[in-house]
């Protein structure tokens, strides 16, 4: 008798059995994100989500966002530590949804890898699922694709997309922002998931490895750098419900830094001077800038420097907003005000990412 026939797909480097094993390992974590709105289980061709709740809306709008985690993933791979990178993905995707005032509904993910290691994939998805649960987002589907010959065996990349809903008359944005509005900065947890190409370049030039211990950073370099992205969605959704009309716009500080992202949600003809003295960037930013031989101000277009989200609020609501956010675990403070009117805008950031918005400039020196 001859043995079982060879599997040409397996011989080509694709292990479908490993993929099935990964799905089995992740099923429980994914299921914990499902409420009664999710129909079916894991493994279908498409995720189903019951949106009949939107019948209660007057004019429901769907909000959608997609993103990845950038080259931060290289550090997770170097340390073989994959339990937090999923939270980074959710932060980058779902926290964009809440910026327009939308409540997230569901998310899908995509993982491409050189070789499916079931336990690794399950760990990554487990992190995605935990963060989805924290943000009130159902993880309704995903895909793991094995790319032998294109990616190295232990390489992977991940991306995701999410959908949320908001009443048309509750959409946040530049149209609501007025002269005199207060700019509230909300603290980041660290680097989040932007600017890691610069981080990796600095480490390489400074001769620092991810597994090295740094007294300046307060731990193993790679572990400090893998501090997961702070999740803002749930506290912000509660804030919007509890203080209706208080928040006029939100800005998620991702690629491009503070000024560029804030400028995107300001109306044309408005400007903001953000006072650096109102906060102190975390040590990770200061140490990396020192190692790179650059001033902190030179990294403002790359890193968030301690501000991960910004709220533009009505003047009489500023105190209530900062108190509510801080009480919910998101340290927040007043960092500036919106002015509508002509002035010399030399040195201001304007027109970021194709948006004809307002103008923003960081002024003063950071607090010690």
Protein backbone atom coordinates (compact mmCIF):
# COMPACT_ATOMS: atom_id res chain seq x y z
CA UNK A 1 0.00 0.00 0.00
CA UNK A 2 1.13 3.51 -0.65
CA UNK A 3 0.99 6.28 1.95
CA UNK A 4 -1.41 9.20 1.91
CA UNK A 5 -1.07 11.33 -1.22
CA UNK A 6 1.19 14.34 -0.89
CA UNK A 7 -0.48 17.67 -0.30
CA UNK A 8 0.97 20.02 -2.93
CA UNK A 9 -0.20 23.10 -1.01
CA UNK A 10 1.65 21.91 2.08
CA UNK A 11 4.72 21.17 -0.02
CA UNK A 12 4.51 24.76 -1.27
CA UNK A 13 4.77 25.96 2.33
CA UNK A 14 1.15 26.55 3.35
CA UNK A 15 -0.02 24.59 6.40
CA UNK A 16 -3.82 24.70 6.39
CA UNK A 17 -3.96 22.42 9.44
CA UNK A 18 -1.96 24.97 11.43
CA UNK A 19 -4.42 27.64 10.35
CA UNK A 20 -7.32 25.54 11.57
CA UNK A 21 -5.53 24.98 14.88
CA UNK A 22 -5.02 28.74 15.27
CA UNK A 23 -8.74 29.31 14.79
CA UNK A 24 -9.57 26.75 17.46
CA UNK A 25 -7.18 28.42 19.91
CA UNK A 26 -8.62 31.90 19.36
CA UNK A 27 -12.34 31.04 19.27
CA UNK A 28 -13.03 31.55 22.97
CA UNK A 29 -11.34 34.97 23.08
CA UNK A 30 -13.23 36.15 20.00
CA UNK A 31 -16.56 34.86 21.30
CA UNK A 32 -16.20 36.95 24.43
CA UNK A 33 -16.53 40.10 22.30
CA UNK A 34 -19.89 38.95 20.92
CA UNK A 35 -23.18 40.28 22.21
CA UNK A 36 -26.63 39.35 21.03
CA UNK A 37 -26.08 41.48 17.91
CA UNK A 38 -23.55 39.01 16.48
CA UNK A 39 -25.05 36.15 14.50
CA UNK A 40 -23.17 32.94 13.87
CA UNK A 41 -19.82 31.95 15.25
CA UNK A 42 -16.19 32.00 14.24
CA UNK A 43 -15.23 30.62 10.84
CA UNK A 44 -17.94 31.89 8.54
CA UNK A 45 -17.23 33.51 5.20
CA UNK A 46 -18.63 36.79 6.54
CA UNK A 47 -19.49 38.14 9.97
CA UNK A 48 -23.10 39.07 10.61
CA UNK A 49 -24.12 41.92 12.90
CA UNK A 50 -27.71 42.83 13.72
CA UNK A 51 -28.11 46.58 13.23
CA UNK A 52 -31.82 46.76 14.03
CA UNK A 53 -30.85 49.01 16.97
CA UNK A 54 -30.18 51.68 14.37
CA UNK A 55 -33.93 51.80 13.68
CA UNK A 56 -34.08 53.98 16.78
CA UNK A 57 -31.84 56.55 15.14
CA UNK A 58 -33.34 59.47 13.23
CA UNK A 59 -30.61 59.50 10.59
CA UNK A 60 -27.89 56.94 11.38
CA UNK A 61 -24.50 57.36 9.73
CA UNK A 62 -21.93 54.58 9.57
CA UNK A 63 -18.33 55.47 10.37
CA UNK A 64 -15.46 53.27 9.24
CA UNK A 65 -11.71 53.20 9.76
CA UNK A 66 -8.81 50.95 8.82
CA UNK A 67 -5.17 50.87 9.93
CA UNK A 68 -2.23 48.74 11.02
CA UNK A 69 0.45 49.01 13.67
CA UNK A 70 3.44 50.07 11.57
CA UNK A 71 6.98 48.93 12.28
CA UNK A 72 6.32 48.57 16.00
CA UNK A 73 5.58 45.01 14.98
CA UNK A 74 9.30 44.43 14.37
CA UNK A 75 9.95 44.89 18.09
CA UNK A 76 7.23 42.41 19.04
CA UNK A 77 8.81 39.91 16.68
CA UNK A 78 12.33 40.55 17.98
CA UNK A 79 11.21 39.93 21.58
CA UNK A 80 8.83 37.10 20.62
CA UNK A 81 6.21 38.99 22.63
CA UNK A 82 2.86 39.17 20.90
CA UNK A 83 0.24 39.73 23.61
CA UNK A 84 -0.03 43.54 23.34
CA UNK A 85 0.33 44.27 19.63
CA UNK A 86 -3.37 43.46 19.15
CA UNK A 87 -4.32 46.29 21.52
CA UNK A 88 -2.20 48.61 19.39
CA UNK A 89 -4.25 47.59 16.36
CA UNK A 90 -7.57 48.23 18.08
CA UNK A 91 -6.35 51.58 19.38
CA UNK A 92 -5.26 52.69 15.94
CA UNK A 93 -8.56 51.64 14.32
CA UNK A 94 -11.36 52.00 16.85
CA UNK A 95 -10.10 55.23 18.42
CA UNK A 96 -10.44 56.81 14.97
CA UNK A 97 -14.13 55.83 14.97
CA UNK A 98 -14.95 57.73 18.16
CA UNK A 99 -13.32 60.91 16.79
CA UNK A 100 -16.48 61.63 14.77
CA UNK A 101 -18.67 60.86 17.79
CA UNK A 102 -19.54 57.33 16.69
CA UNK A 103 -19.98 54.29 18.90
CA UNK A 104 -18.05 51.30 17.53
CA UNK A 105 -20.09 48.31 16.39
CA UNK A 106 -17.74 45.68 15.03
CA UNK A 107 -14.22 45.04 13.77
CA UNK A 108 -12.39 42.58 11.54
CA UNK A 109 -8.67 41.80 11.44
CA UNK A 110 -6.17 40.49 8.91
CA UNK A 111 -2.87 38.78 9.72
CA UNK A 112 -0.32 37.95 7.03
CA UNK A 113 2.60 35.75 8.04
CA UNK A 114 5.42 33.71 6.60
CA UNK A 115 4.38 30.65 8.61
CA UNK A 116 1.33 30.01 10.76
CA UNK A 117 2.35 29.31 14.34
CA UNK A 118 -1.05 28.61 15.95
CA UNK A 119 -0.09 29.71 19.45
CA UNK A 120 1.40 32.97 18.18
CA UNK A 121 -1.64 33.78 16.05
CA UNK A 122 -3.94 32.99 18.96
CA UNK A 123 -1.93 35.28 21.24
CA UNK A 124 -2.14 38.15 18.75
CA UNK A 125 -5.88 37.71 18.24
CA UNK A 126 -6.36 37.31 21.98
CA UNK A 127 -4.91 40.81 22.41
CA UNK A 128 -7.21 42.15 19.70
CA UNK A 129 -10.21 40.51 21.36
CA UNK A 130 -9.41 41.88 24.83
CA UNK A 131 -9.10 45.40 23.45
CA UNK A 132 -12.30 45.00 21.42
CA UNK A 133 -14.13 43.95 24.59
CA UNK A 134 -12.74 46.99 26.44
CA UNK A 135 -13.95 49.35 23.70
CA UNK A 136 -17.36 47.69 23.29
CA UNK A 137 -16.52 46.43 19.81
CA UNK A 138 -17.51 42.99 18.50
CA UNK A 139 -14.73 41.12 16.70
CA UNK A 140 -16.86 39.50 14.02
CA UNK A 141 -14.30 38.12 11.61
CA UNK A 142 -10.75 37.95 10.41
CA UNK A 143 -8.28 36.24 8.15
CA UNK A 144 -4.88 34.66 8.62
CA UNK A 145 -2.91 34.31 5.39
CA UNK A 146 0.31 32.34 5.06
CA UNK A 147 2.79 33.87 2.57
CA UNK A 148 5.76 31.50 2.28
CA UNK A 149 8.49 32.76 0.00
CA UNK A 150 7.20 36.32 0.32
CA UNK A 151 7.63 36.75 4.08
CA UNK A 152 10.21 35.16 6.36
CA UNK A 153 8.87 32.28 8.48
CA UNK A 154 8.60 34.29 11.71
CA UNK A 155 7.50 37.56 10.10
CA UNK A 156 3.93 38.79 10.26
CA UNK A 157 1.93 41.93 9.76
CA UNK A 158 -1.58 42.82 10.85
CA UNK A 159 -4.28 45.26 9.91
CA UNK A 160 -7.89 45.83 10.83
CA UNK A 161 -11.05 47.69 9.99
CA UNK A 162 -13.98 48.77 12.14
CA UNK A 163 -17.47 50.19 11.71
CA UNK A 164 -19.40 52.42 14.08
CA UNK A 165 -22.60 54.47 14.06
CA UNK A 166 -23.54 58.03 14.94
CA UNK A 167 -26.61 60.24 14.60
CA UNK A 168 -26.15 62.68 11.74
CA UNK A 169 -26.84 65.65 13.99
CA UNK A 170 -24.32 64.43 16.57
CA UNK A 171 -21.28 64.16 14.29
CA UNK A 172 -18.26 65.90 15.79
CA UNK A 173 -15.94 68.02 13.69
CA UNK A 174 -14.78 71.47 12.57
CA UNK A 175 -18.32 72.67 11.90
CA UNK A 176 -19.00 72.67 15.66
CA UNK A 177 -15.79 74.41 16.72
CA UNK A 178 -16.15 78.06 17.73
CA UNK A 179 -14.01 80.99 18.78
CA UNK A 180 -13.06 80.62 22.45
CA UNK A 181 -13.42 76.83 22.59
CA UNK A 182 -11.01 75.14 24.98
CA UNK A 183 -8.44 72.59 23.80
CA UNK A 184 -8.16 69.68 26.25
CA UNK A 185 -5.13 67.42 25.91
CA UNK A 186 -5.53 63.76 26.94
CA UNK A 187 -2.45 61.78 27.96
CA UNK A 188 -0.96 58.99 25.89
CA UNK A 189 0.54 55.83 27.38
CA UNK A 190 3.78 56.39 25.47
CA UNK A 191 4.72 56.03 21.83
CA UNK A 192 1.50 54.28 20.82
CA UNK A 193 2.02 52.95 17.25
CA UNK A 194 3.61 55.80 15.34
CA UNK A 195 7.15 56.87 14.60
CA UNK A 196 8.79 53.50 15.17
CA UNK A 197 10.92 53.77 12.05
CA UNK A 198 12.61 56.71 13.77
CA UNK A 199 12.78 54.77 17.05
CA UNK A 200 14.47 51.80 15.39
CA UNK A 201 16.88 54.07 13.53
CA UNK A 202 17.90 55.81 16.78
CA UNK A 203 18.49 52.50 18.56
CA UNK A 204 20.57 51.15 15.69
CA UNK A 205 22.76 54.26 15.53
CA UNK A 206 23.11 54.36 19.32
CA UNK A 207 24.04 50.67 19.47
CA UNK A 208 21.12 49.69 21.72
CA UNK A 209 19.40 46.31 21.37
CA UNK A 210 15.78 45.50 22.16
CA UNK A 211 16.80 43.03 24.86
CA UNK A 212 19.23 45.44 26.52
CA UNK A 213 18.29 46.86 29.91
CA UNK A 214 18.30 50.63 30.23
CA UNK A 215 18.28 52.41 33.57
CA UNK A 216 17.25 55.58 31.73
CA UNK A 217 14.16 53.89 30.31
CA UNK A 218 13.53 51.92 33.48
CA UNK A 219 13.53 48.41 32.05
CA UNK A 220 14.23 46.21 29.05
CA UNK A 221 14.31 48.49 26.02
CA UNK A 222 11.97 46.46 23.83
CA UNK A 223 9.45 45.93 26.62
CA UNK A 224 9.30 49.65 27.34
CA UNK A 225 8.78 50.36 23.65
CA UNK A 226 5.98 47.79 23.46
CA UNK A 227 3.85 49.65 26.02
CA UNK A 228 0.44 49.24 24.36
CA UNK A 229 -1.56 52.06 22.85
CA UNK A 230 -3.98 53.66 25.29
CA UNK A 231 -7.64 52.99 24.46
CA UNK A 232 -9.79 56.12 24.57
CA UNK A 233 -13.08 54.93 23.09
CA UNK A 234 -15.10 53.72 26.08
CA UNK A 235 -14.45 56.75 28.33
CA UNK A 236 -15.09 59.13 25.43
CA UNK A 237 -18.35 57.41 24.48
CA UNK A 238 -19.49 57.75 28.10
CA UNK A 239 -18.44 61.40 28.13
CA UNK A 240 -20.42 62.16 24.98
CA UNK A 241 -23.49 60.52 26.52
CA UNK A 242 -23.15 62.19 29.93
CA UNK A 243 -22.25 65.69 28.68
CA UNK A 244 -24.14 66.07 25.40
CA UNK A 245 -23.00 69.06 23.39
CA UNK A 246 -19.93 69.68 25.54
CA UNK A 247 -17.45 68.21 23.08
CA UNK A 248 -17.27 69.88 19.66
CA UNK A 249 -14.43 67.92 18.06
CA UNK A 250 -11.90 65.19 18.82
CA UNK A 251 -8.48 64.55 17.31
CA UNK A 252 -6.61 61.25 17.53
CA UNK A 253 -2.88 62.00 17.64
CA UNK A 254 -1.35 59.45 15.30
CA UNK A 255 1.04 59.84 12.37
CA UNK A 256 2.11 63.47 11.93
CA UNK A 257 2.09 64.39 15.60
CA UNK A 258 0.01 66.76 17.69
CA UNK A 259 -0.18 69.91 15.57
CA UNK A 260 -0.96 68.23 12.25
CA UNK A 261 -3.73 66.08 13.66
CA UNK A 262 -5.35 68.89 15.64
CA UNK A 263 -5.30 71.14 12.57
CA UNK A 264 -7.45 68.56 10.75
CA UNK A 265 -10.45 69.15 13.05
CA UNK A 266 -10.27 72.95 13.21
CA UNK A 267 -12.28 75.21 10.87
CA UNK A 268 -10.51 77.24 8.22
CA UNK A 269 -9.58 80.63 9.62
CA UNK A 270 -9.02 79.40 13.16
CA UNK A 271 -5.75 78.88 15.00
CA UNK A 272 -4.49 77.39 18.26
CA UNK A 273 -1.30 77.88 20.21
CA UNK A 274 -0.75 74.80 22.36
CA UNK A 275 1.21 75.50 25.52
CA UNK A 276 3.97 72.90 25.97
CA UNK A 277 4.42 73.96 29.59
CA UNK A 278 1.11 72.31 30.50
CA UNK A 279 2.60 68.81 30.31
CA UNK A 280 5.81 66.83 30.55
CA UNK A 281 6.54 64.16 27.90
CA UNK A 282 7.22 60.71 29.34
CA UNK A 283 10.84 59.58 29.81
CA UNK A 284 10.70 57.32 26.74
CA UNK A 285 10.47 60.38 24.48
CA UNK A 286 13.19 62.30 26.29
CA UNK A 287 15.62 59.36 26.33
CA UNK A 288 15.10 58.50 22.66
CA UNK A 289 15.55 62.15 21.64
CA UNK A 290 18.77 62.33 23.66
CA UNK A 291 20.07 59.10 22.12
CA UNK A 292 19.19 60.46 18.69
CA UNK A 293 20.89 63.77 19.34
CA UNK A 294 17.75 65.78 18.60
CA UNK A 295 15.61 68.20 20.59
CA UNK A 296 12.15 67.06 21.62
CA UNK A 297 10.64 69.82 19.49
CA UNK A 298 12.27 68.25 16.41
CA UNK A 299 10.22 65.06 16.95
CA UNK A 300 6.84 66.80 17.24
CA UNK A 301 5.90 65.83 13.69
CA UNK A 302 6.61 62.17 14.41
CA UNK A 303 5.72 61.24 18.02
CA UNK A 304 2.73 62.12 20.18
CA UNK A 305 5.06 63.32 23.00
CA UNK A 306 2.56 62.42 25.71
CA UNK A 307 -0.72 63.56 24.11
CA UNK A 308 -2.70 60.78 22.46
CA UNK A 309 -6.09 62.41 21.99
CA UNK A 310 -7.37 65.98 22.01
CA UNK A 311 -10.88 67.25 22.76
CA UNK A 312 -12.15 70.67 21.72
CA UNK A 313 -14.89 71.63 24.14
CA UNK A 314 -17.24 74.45 25.01
CA UNK A 315 -15.59 76.90 27.45
CA UNK A 316 -18.16 76.34 30.20
CA UNK A 317 -17.65 72.56 29.97
CA UNK A 318 -13.86 72.44 30.16
CA UNK A 319 -13.69 71.76 33.89
CA UNK A 320 -16.36 69.04 33.74
CA UNK A 321 -14.67 67.37 30.77
CA UNK A 322 -11.18 67.31 32.27
CA UNK A 323 -12.55 66.03 35.59
CA UNK A 324 -14.62 63.28 33.96
CA UNK A 325 -11.78 62.10 31.75
CA UNK A 326 -9.23 62.10 34.55
CA UNK A 327 -11.64 60.20 36.81
CA UNK A 328 -12.07 57.58 34.08
CA UNK A 329 -8.31 56.96 33.92
CA UNK A 330 -7.45 59.39 31.13
CA UNK A 331 -5.39 62.26 32.57
CA UNK A 332 -6.58 65.46 30.86
CA UNK A 333 -5.73 69.15 31.07
CA UNK A 334 -6.35 72.44 29.30
CA UNK A 335 -3.56 73.16 26.79
CA UNK A 336 -4.91 76.01 24.68
CA UNK A 337 -7.86 77.86 23.18
CA UNK A 338 -9.29 78.25 19.70
CA UNK A 339 -9.14 81.69 18.12
CA UNK A 340 -10.95 82.60 14.92
CA UNK A 341 -9.37 85.59 13.23
CA UNK A 342 -6.54 86.80 11.06
CA UNK A 343 -2.94 86.64 12.27
CA UNK A 344 0.54 85.84 11.03
CA UNK A 345 0.65 82.04 10.79
CA UNK A 346 4.38 81.66 10.25
CA UNK A 347 5.51 78.44 11.92
CA UNK A 348 1.98 77.04 12.24
CA UNK A 349 0.99 73.60 10.93
CA UNK A 350 -1.77 73.89 8.34
CA UNK A 351 -3.54 71.72 5.80
CA UNK A 352 -2.44 68.35 7.16
CA UNK A 353 -3.30 65.14 5.25
CA UNK A 354 -5.22 66.95 2.53
CA UNK A 355 -7.59 68.71 4.92
CA UNK A 356 -8.06 72.47 4.59
CA UNK A 357 -8.38 73.00 8.32
CA UNK A 358 -7.11 75.42 10.88
CA UNK A 359 -3.60 76.23 12.05
CA UNK A 360 -1.73 74.91 15.09
CA UNK A 361 1.58 75.75 16.71
CA UNK A 362 3.20 74.43 19.87
CA UNK A 363 4.69 77.23 21.98
CA UNK A 364 6.78 77.54 25.11
CA UNK A 365 8.94 74.86 26.75
CA UNK A 366 7.85 71.48 28.07
CA UNK A 367 7.44 71.12 31.81
CA UNK A 368 10.20 69.22 33.61
